[in-house]
Amino acid sequence: MTVGTTGRGGTGISILGTAQHAAWQDRTLPPVERLSGGVWSVPVPIPDNPLRYTLCYLIAGDRGLVVVDPGWGTDEGWEALLAGLGTAGAAVSDVTGIVATHVHPDHHGLSGRLREHSGAWIAMHPAERDTLPQRTALTHPGARREFLRRGLRRWGAPEEHIKDLLRPFGERSADRFVFTMAEPDVLLEDGDTVPLPGRRLRAVWTPGHTPGHLCLQEPDAGLLLTGDHVLPRITPNIGLNRVNGDAPLTRFLESLERTAAFDDHDALPAHEYRFRGLAARTRQLRDHHEQRCRELVTVIAGLGSPTVWQVAEQLSWSRPWAEVGQMRIGALSETEAHIRHLADRGELDFPDSHPADLPGTSSDDVPEVRVRLASHAVH
């Protein structure tokens, strides 16, 4: 989900979830907690992942409750969710609705199982529904491995690194089976109210991390559930779900401007810990991406006409490029998102293509793409 951090707080940002913050530092699961407005936070573990857990939220209305981002689809995650419901004095039978801020597995993975056991509806943004694997030709066995291979060749990754990055998608991986995720029953457009009688809960469309990412505003309690859009310390990855013809970083920066307007709300993110100071945090994120853009232009100017891989390996990351490991996939995607953003601003020349644009092309024949300074920007 992420490839770096943008600080550990700062002027205008205050930590509200002190127990969550302590657990994050100690690398343990935080407690289930009752928050303002009667909202509950429930940590659901993520297997073998440095994020460790997703913060699922339980929001009660007059009749039943809504679960926001139920978490990763494992038995351990399911038991954690059931335990959280019990601590909140609820049961699966009380769940009437499920909202996915986006469909990454650590958020939407348990949605189908929870719907099956509760009869609840599932809601998400229409643009997020359109990225479900069964709607993007990525559901059949081996599809994700092939899609990734094409992307890596397009980015100019050396063959030995392609083999290394594809290893988790081998014969014994989940990619060898049909892969689908739960379809929604309810579609939430920007500004729509979540159907939960007795509670005001409004959808705020914040594309960028994914095309249909949603935040949820609870105005009476002054809460904004931010999903992965704004986290207190980590920078969300931008570009992994690029929609053809779209510019994910541009959309993300626009969404940050909208989110800054909720500075008087408590921020309830899906990872790390609760905080206040959305104006300051979104400003940090905008500054981070602008600094990255300037670094990227300097790298490209020095290399002349590099591939995306050659640019990425010269950029500064939270660790040396050789140690980024499997997260190099996200780093490459993020690098392309910045390149696309700068090309749209007229600073770079870069072809507007994507592996999905070449459906009939073998991965062995996908050409690598190169980027250069725009001719008018060369002095």
Protein backbone atom coordinates (compact mmCIF):
# COMPACT_ATOMS: atom_id res chain seq x y z
CA MET A 1 0.00 0.00 0.00
CA THR A 2 2.81 2.36 0.83
CA VAL A 3 6.38 3.05 -0.17
CA GLY A 4 7.51 5.65 2.35
CA THR A 5 6.66 8.08 5.12
CA THR A 6 6.28 11.83 5.26
CA GLY A 7 7.01 12.55 8.86
CA ARG A 8 5.96 11.64 12.38
CA GLY A 9 3.62 14.47 13.18
CA GLY A 10 4.33 18.17 13.15
CA THR A 11 2.84 21.61 13.74
CA GLY A 12 -0.92 21.46 13.63
CA ILE A 13 -1.11 17.65 13.98
CA SER A 14 -2.04 16.03 17.28
CA ILE A 15 -2.31 12.35 18.17
CA LEU A 16 -5.74 11.38 19.51
CA GLY A 17 -5.39 7.60 19.54
CA THR A 18 -2.72 7.37 22.22
CA ALA A 19 -3.26 3.64 22.81
CA GLN A 20 -3.19 3.05 19.05
CA HIS A 21 0.00 5.10 18.75
CA ALA A 22 1.67 3.15 21.56
CA ALA A 23 0.67 -0.14 19.92
CA TRP A 24 2.01 1.05 16.56
CA GLN A 25 5.37 1.86 18.14
CA ASP A 26 5.41 -1.46 20.03
CA ARG A 27 4.38 -3.41 16.89
CA THR A 28 1.36 -4.90 18.63
CA LEU A 29 -2.37 -4.82 17.97
CA PRO A 30 -4.15 -1.83 19.55
CA PRO A 31 -7.24 -2.38 21.72
CA VAL A 32 -10.83 -2.27 20.57
CA GLU A 33 -12.01 1.23 21.54
CA ARG A 34 -15.22 3.22 21.86
CA LEU A 35 -14.73 6.64 20.25
CA SER A 36 -16.69 9.86 20.27
CA GLY A 37 -20.14 9.63 18.73
CA GLY A 38 -20.46 5.99 19.80
CA VAL A 39 -18.21 4.76 16.97
CA TRP A 40 -16.02 1.73 17.71
CA SER A 41 -12.60 0.95 16.23
CA VAL A 42 -11.63 -2.70 15.81
CA PRO A 43 -8.12 -3.74 14.70
CA VAL A 44 -8.25 -6.61 12.21
CA PRO A 45 -4.82 -8.24 11.60
CA ILE A 46 -3.17 -8.34 8.18
CA PRO A 47 -1.02 -11.45 7.66
CA ASP A 48 2.69 -11.02 6.92
CA ASN A 49 2.46 -7.28 6.31
CA PRO A 50 4.31 -4.37 7.96
CA LEU A 51 0.99 -2.51 8.33
CA ARG A 52 -0.03 -5.29 10.76
CA TYR A 53 -3.72 -4.35 10.99
CA THR A 54 -6.65 -2.49 9.46
CA LEU A 55 -8.75 -0.29 11.71
CA CYS A 56 -12.32 -1.36 11.06
CA TYR A 57 -15.08 0.94 12.33
CA LEU A 58 -18.50 0.02 13.73
CA ILE A 59 -21.16 2.72 13.43
CA ALA A 60 -24.54 2.09 15.05
CA GLY A 61 -27.84 3.61 13.95
CA ASP A 62 -31.38 3.29 15.27
CA ARG A 63 -31.69 -0.15 13.72
CA GLY A 64 -28.48 -2.13 13.31
CA LEU A 65 -24.97 -0.99 12.52
CA VAL A 66 -22.63 -0.43 9.59
CA VAL A 67 -19.15 -1.96 9.42
CA VAL A 68 -16.58 0.12 7.55
CA ASP A 69 -13.67 -1.85 6.05
CA PRO A 70 -14.11 -5.26 7.75
CA GLY A 71 -10.52 -6.27 6.94
CA TRP A 72 -8.42 -9.05 5.43
CA GLY A 73 -10.22 -12.29 4.61
CA THR A 74 -8.58 -14.79 6.97
CA ASP A 75 -9.97 -16.85 9.84
CA GLU A 76 -7.80 -14.81 12.22
CA GLY A 77 -9.26 -11.60 10.82
CA TRP A 78 -12.81 -12.97 11.09
CA GLU A 79 -12.29 -13.91 14.74
CA ALA A 80 -10.88 -10.44 15.47
CA LEU A 81 -13.91 -8.83 13.84
CA LEU A 82 -16.33 -11.04 15.82
CA ALA A 83 -14.47 -10.24 19.04
CA GLY A 84 -14.66 -6.52 18.26
CA LEU A 85 -18.39 -6.75 17.64
CA GLY A 86 -18.78 -8.55 20.96
CA THR A 87 -16.81 -5.91 22.85
CA ALA A 88 -19.11 -3.29 21.31
CA GLY A 89 -22.12 -5.24 22.59
CA ALA A 90 -23.13 -6.36 19.11
CA ALA A 91 -23.27 -9.53 17.04
CA VAL A 92 -23.04 -10.38 13.36
CA SER A 93 -26.85 -10.40 13.23
CA ASP A 94 -26.84 -6.67 14.11
CA VAL A 95 -24.84 -5.74 11.00
CA THR A 96 -27.13 -4.23 8.38
CA GLY A 97 -24.53 -2.65 6.11
CA ILE A 98 -20.88 -2.81 5.05
CA VAL A 99 -18.99 0.09 3.45
CA ALA A 100 -15.67 -0.49 1.66
CA THR A 101 -13.62 2.71 1.44
CA HIS A 102 -11.84 0.83 -1.36
CA VAL A 103 -11.44 -2.77 -2.48
CA HIS A 104 -7.87 -3.59 -1.47
CA PRO A 105 -7.87 -6.97 0.33
CA ASP A 106 -6.99 -5.50 3.73
CA HIS A 107 -10.23 -3.49 3.57
CA HIS A 108 -12.71 -5.46 1.46
CA GLY A 109 -11.42 -9.00 2.03
CA LEU A 110 -13.98 -9.96 4.69
CA SER A 111 -16.94 -8.12 3.15
CA GLY A 112 -18.35 -11.16 1.35
CA ARG A 113 -18.09 -13.42 4.39
CA LEU A 114 -19.72 -10.81 6.61
CA ARG A 115 -22.57 -10.31 4.12
CA GLU A 116 -23.11 -14.07 3.93
CA HIS A 117 -23.45 -14.38 7.73
CA SER A 118 -25.44 -11.18 8.36
CA GLY A 119 -27.49 -10.49 5.23
CA ALA A 120 -26.06 -6.97 5.16
CA TRP A 121 -25.67 -4.89 2.01
CA ILE A 122 -22.24 -3.90 0.71
CA ALA A 123 -21.63 -0.33 -0.51
CA MET A 124 -18.79 1.35 -2.41
CA HIS A 125 -18.23 4.04 -5.04
CA PRO A 126 -19.08 3.07 -8.67
CA ALA A 127 -15.50 3.75 -9.80
CA GLU A 128 -14.27 1.34 -7.13
CA ARG A 129 -16.73 -1.35 -8.22
CA ASP A 130 -15.24 -1.08 -11.71
CA THR A 131 -11.79 -2.07 -10.37
CA LEU A 132 -12.96 -5.38 -8.88
CA PRO A 133 -10.85 -8.22 -10.33
CA GLN A 134 -13.80 -9.88 -12.07
CA ARG A 135 -14.51 -6.59 -13.86
CA THR A 136 -10.92 -6.06 -15.05
CA ALA A 137 -10.15 -9.45 -16.65
CA LEU A 138 -7.82 -10.27 -13.73
CA THR A 139 -9.90 -13.04 -12.20
CA HIS A 140 -8.73 -16.11 -14.15
CA PRO A 141 -5.69 -18.12 -13.02
CA GLY A 142 -2.37 -16.49 -13.82
CA ALA A 143 -3.95 -13.21 -14.95
CA ARG A 144 -2.35 -11.02 -12.30
CA ARG A 145 1.08 -12.54 -12.93
CA GLU A 146 0.78 -11.87 -16.65
CA PHE A 147 -0.50 -8.33 -16.11
CA LEU A 148 2.41 -7.61 -13.77
CA ARG A 149 4.94 -9.13 -16.20
CA ARG A 150 3.68 -6.81 -18.94
CA GLY A 151 3.91 -3.83 -16.63
CA LEU A 152 7.45 -4.67 -15.54
CA ARG A 153 8.61 -5.05 -19.14
CA ARG A 154 6.97 -1.75 -20.00
CA TRP A 155 8.76 -0.10 -17.08
CA GLY A 156 12.08 -1.47 -18.36
CA ALA A 157 12.80 -3.81 -15.45
CA PRO A 158 15.82 -6.09 -16.05
CA GLU A 159 14.88 -9.71 -16.68
CA GLU A 160 16.46 -11.03 -13.47
CA HIS A 161 14.42 -8.57 -11.42
CA ILE A 162 11.23 -9.48 -13.28
CA LYS A 163 11.74 -13.12 -12.29
CA ASP A 164 12.34 -12.10 -8.68
CA LEU A 165 9.26 -9.86 -8.48
CA LEU A 166 7.04 -12.51 -10.10
CA ARG A 167 8.16 -15.26 -7.71
CA PRO A 168 5.28 -14.69 -5.20
CA PHE A 169 2.86 -15.29 -8.10
CA GLY A 170 4.21 -18.78 -8.78
CA GLU A 171 2.52 -22.15 -9.03
CA ARG A 172 1.61 -22.33 -5.34
CA SER A 173 0.21 -18.80 -5.04
CA ALA A 174 -3.43 -17.69 -4.92
CA ASP A 175 -2.96 -16.35 -8.45
CA ARG A 176 -3.28 -19.94 -9.71
CA PHE A 177 -6.97 -19.95 -8.73
CA VAL A 178 -10.02 -17.97 -9.83
CA PHE A 179 -9.99 -14.75 -7.80
CA THR A 180 -13.08 -12.64 -7.26
CA MET A 181 -14.21 -10.14 -4.61
CA ALA A 182 -17.65 -9.28 -3.31
CA GLU A 183 -19.80 -7.15 -5.60
CA PRO A 184 -21.65 -4.17 -4.09
CA ASP A 185 -25.39 -3.99 -3.47
CA VAL A 186 -25.35 -0.22 -2.99
CA LEU A 187 -23.40 2.41 -4.92
CA LEU A 188 -22.40 5.60 -3.11
CA GLU A 189 -21.70 8.70 -5.19
CA ASP A 190 -19.97 11.77 -3.78
CA GLY A 191 -22.27 13.42 -1.21
CA ASP A 192 -24.61 10.43 -0.86
CA THR A 193 -25.86 9.46 2.57
CA VAL A 194 -25.11 5.94 3.80
CA PRO A 195 -28.47 4.16 4.39
CA LEU A 196 -28.25 3.92 8.18
CA PRO A 197 -31.43 5.23 9.90
CA GLY A 198 -30.74 7.47 12.87
CA ARG A 199 -27.21 8.40 11.81
CA ARG A 200 -25.87 10.98 9.37
CA LEU A 201 -22.98 9.44 7.44
CA ARG A 202 -21.95 11.09 4.17
CA ALA A 203 -19.75 9.73 1.38
CA VAL A 204 -16.84 11.94 0.30
CA TRP A 205 -15.23 10.78 -2.95
CA THR A 206 -11.42 11.03 -2.69
CA PRO A 207 -9.87 9.39 -5.78
CA GLY A 208 -6.12 8.94 -5.94
CA HIS A 209 -5.01 5.95 -3.88
CA THR A 210 -7.68 4.13 -5.86
CA PRO A 211 -10.15 5.49 -8.43
CA GLY A 212 -13.21 5.13 -6.20
CA HIS A 213 -11.75 5.70 -2.75
CA LEU A 214 -14.29 7.03 -0.25
CA CYS A 215 -13.94 8.90 3.00
CA LEU A 216 -16.97 9.01 5.30
CA GLN A 217 -18.04 12.10 7.23
CA GLU A 218 -20.02 11.86 10.45
CA PRO A 219 -20.84 15.57 10.94
CA ASP A 220 -22.67 15.31 14.27
CA ALA A 221 -19.66 13.81 16.03
CA GLY A 222 -17.15 15.74 13.89
CA LEU A 223 -15.48 12.62 12.47
CA LEU A 224 -13.94 11.86 9.08
CA LEU A 225 -13.12 8.22 8.36
CA THR A 226 -10.20 8.66 5.96
CA GLY A 227 -9.53 5.08 4.83
CA ASP A 228 -6.09 5.05 3.21
CA HIS A 229 -6.48 8.55 1.72
CA VAL A 230 -4.85 10.37 4.65
CA LEU A 231 -2.85 8.54 7.30
CA PRO A 232 -0.96 10.28 10.13
CA ARG A 233 2.54 9.18 9.11
CA ILE A 234 2.52 6.88 6.07
CA THR A 235 2.18 8.10 2.49
CA PRO A 236 -0.46 6.11 0.55
CA ASN A 237 0.70 4.59 -2.69
CA ILE A 238 -0.61 6.36 -5.78
CA GLY A 239 -1.03 4.64 -9.13
CA LEU A 240 -1.51 0.92 -8.49
CA ASN A 241 -5.06 1.03 -9.85
CA ARG A 242 -4.54 3.45 -12.72
CA VAL A 243 -7.65 3.84 -14.86
CA ASN A 244 -6.89 4.27 -18.56
CA GLY A 245 -6.70 7.94 -19.43
CA ASP A 246 -6.68 9.07 -15.79
CA ALA A 247 -3.93 10.78 -13.79
CA PRO A 248 -4.03 9.29 -10.26
CA LEU A 249 -1.59 11.75 -8.67
CA THR A 250 -3.50 14.74 -10.04
CA ARG A 251 -6.73 13.27 -8.66
CA PHE A 252 -5.06 12.58 -5.31
CA LEU A 253 -3.79 16.15 -4.94
CA GLU A 254 -7.25 17.47 -5.77
CA SER A 255 -8.74 15.13 -3.17
CA LEU A 256 -6.29 16.40 -0.55
CA GLU A 257 -7.57 19.92 -1.12
CA ARG A 258 -11.09 18.71 -0.34
CA THR A 259 -9.98 16.81 2.73
CA ALA A 260 -8.20 19.83 4.20
CA ALA A 261 -11.61 21.47 4.62
CA PHE A 262 -12.39 18.96 7.41
CA ASP A 263 -9.69 20.35 9.70
CA ASP A 264 -12.17 20.67 12.57
CA HIS A 265 -12.95 16.92 12.39
CA ASP A 266 -11.15 14.06 14.10
CA ALA A 267 -9.42 11.88 11.50
CA LEU A 268 -10.11 8.16 11.80
CA PRO A 269 -7.69 6.40 9.40
CA ALA A 270 -7.64 2.75 8.41
CA HIS A 271 -4.07 2.27 9.66
CA GLU A 272 -1.79 3.59 12.40
CA TYR A 273 -3.76 5.87 14.80
CA ARG A 274 -6.39 8.60 15.14
CA PHE A 275 -5.29 12.21 14.88
CA ARG A 276 -6.46 15.78 14.39
CA GLY A 277 -5.00 18.28 11.95
CA LEU A 278 -6.15 17.35 8.47
CA ALA A 279 -5.15 20.72 7.01
CA ALA A 280 -1.57 20.34 8.23
CA ARG A 281 -1.33 16.67 7.26
CA THR A 282 -2.69 17.21 3.75
CA ARG A 283 -0.27 20.10 3.33
CA GLN A 284 2.59 17.75 4.30
CA LEU A 285 1.43 15.26 1.69
CA ARG A 286 1.14 17.89 -1.05
CA ASP A 287 4.61 19.21 -0.21
CA HIS A 288 6.00 15.68 -0.25
CA HIS A 289 4.69 15.02 -3.76
CA GLU A 290 5.89 18.35 -5.09
CA GLN A 291 9.38 17.64 -3.71
CA ARG A 292 9.24 14.22 -5.33
CA CYS A 293 8.32 15.81 -8.66
CA ARG A 294 11.31 18.14 -8.47
CA GLU A 295 13.63 15.24 -7.58
CA LEU A 296 12.25 13.23 -10.47
CA VAL A 297 12.86 16.03 -13.00
CA THR A 298 16.47 16.31 -11.78
CA VAL A 299 17.00 12.55 -12.18
CA ILE A 300 15.54 12.53 -15.69
CA ALA A 301 17.61 15.53 -16.73
CA GLY A 302 20.74 13.67 -15.65
CA LEU A 303 19.83 10.39 -17.37
CA GLY A 304 18.54 11.82 -20.64
CA SER A 305 15.91 9.31 -21.78
CA PRO A 306 15.52 6.72 -19.00
CA THR A 307 12.98 3.95 -18.43
CA VAL A 308 10.67 4.13 -15.44
CA TRP A 309 12.85 1.52 -13.70
CA GLN A 310 15.99 3.60 -14.24
CA VAL A 311 14.27 6.65 -12.78
CA ALA A 312 12.88 4.77 -9.78
CA GLU A 313 16.21 3.22 -8.79
CA GLN A 314 17.77 6.72 -8.64
CA LEU A 315 15.05 8.25 -6.46
CA SER A 316 15.25 8.42 -2.67
CA TRP A 317 13.14 5.83 -0.84
CA SER A 318 12.80 4.88 2.82
CA ARG A 319 15.54 2.31 2.22
CA PRO A 320 18.10 1.64 -0.57
CA TRP A 321 16.48 0.49 -3.86
CA ALA A 322 18.09 -2.94 -3.62
CA GLU A 323 16.39 -3.43 -0.23
CA VAL A 324 12.90 -2.24 -1.21
CA GLY A 325 12.08 -5.81 -2.23
CA GLN A 326 8.57 -6.67 -3.38
CA MET A 327 7.43 -3.12 -2.69
CA ARG A 328 9.37 -2.08 -5.80
CA ILE A 329 6.15 -2.82 -7.70
CA GLY A 330 4.36 -0.08 -5.79
CA ALA A 331 7.40 2.19 -6.09
CA LEU A 332 7.43 1.79 -9.88
CA SER A 333 3.72 2.46 -10.07
CA GLU A 334 4.14 5.57 -7.94
CA THR A 335 7.06 6.73 -10.10
CA GLU A 336 4.90 6.45 -13.20
CA ALA A 337 2.12 8.38 -11.46
CA HIS A 338 4.52 11.27 -10.87
CA ILE A 339 5.82 11.07 -14.44
CA ARG A 340 2.25 11.13 -15.78
CA HIS A 341 1.44 14.13 -13.57
CA LEU A 342 4.47 16.05 -14.84
CA ALA A 343 3.75 15.10 -18.45
CA ASP A 344 0.22 16.45 -18.07
CA ARG A 345 1.75 19.68 -16.75
CA GLY A 346 3.92 19.88 -19.86
CA GLU A 347 7.24 19.30 -18.09
CA LEU A 348 7.96 15.82 -19.49
CA ASP A 349 7.39 13.84 -22.68
CA PHE A 350 5.93 10.42 -21.89
CA PRO A 351 3.67 8.10 -23.92
CA ASP A 352 0.17 7.73 -22.52
CA SER A 353 -0.11 3.95 -22.55
CA HIS A 354 -0.61 1.23 -19.97
CA PRO A 355 -0.36 -2.59 -19.96
CA ALA A 356 -4.16 -2.75 -20.10
CA ASP A 357 -4.03 -0.76 -23.35
CA LEU A 358 -2.34 -3.70 -25.10
CA PRO A 359 -4.74 -6.64 -24.53
CA GLY A 360 -3.61 -8.66 -27.53
CA THR A 361 0.11 -8.23 -26.95
CA SER A 362 2.29 -10.97 -25.47
CA SER A 363 4.26 -9.87 -22.42
CA ASP A 364 7.43 -10.72 -24.37
CA ASP A 365 6.48 -8.11 -26.98
CA VAL A 366 5.51 -5.23 -24.69
CA PRO A 367 7.87 -2.34 -25.49
CA GLU A 368 9.56 -0.43 -22.71
CA VAL A 369 8.61 3.23 -22.44
CA ARG A 370 11.04 6.07 -21.87
CA VAL A 371 10.64 9.54 -20.47
CA ARG A 372 12.51 12.76 -21.26
CA LEU A 373 12.26 16.42 -20.48
CA ALA A 374 9.76 18.23 -22.66
CA SER A 375 11.53 19.99 -25.52
CA HIS A 376 10.52 23.45 -24.31
CA ALA A 377 11.85 22.59 -20.82
CA VAL A 378 15.37 21.74 -22.06
CA HIS A 379 17.78 24.66 -21.76
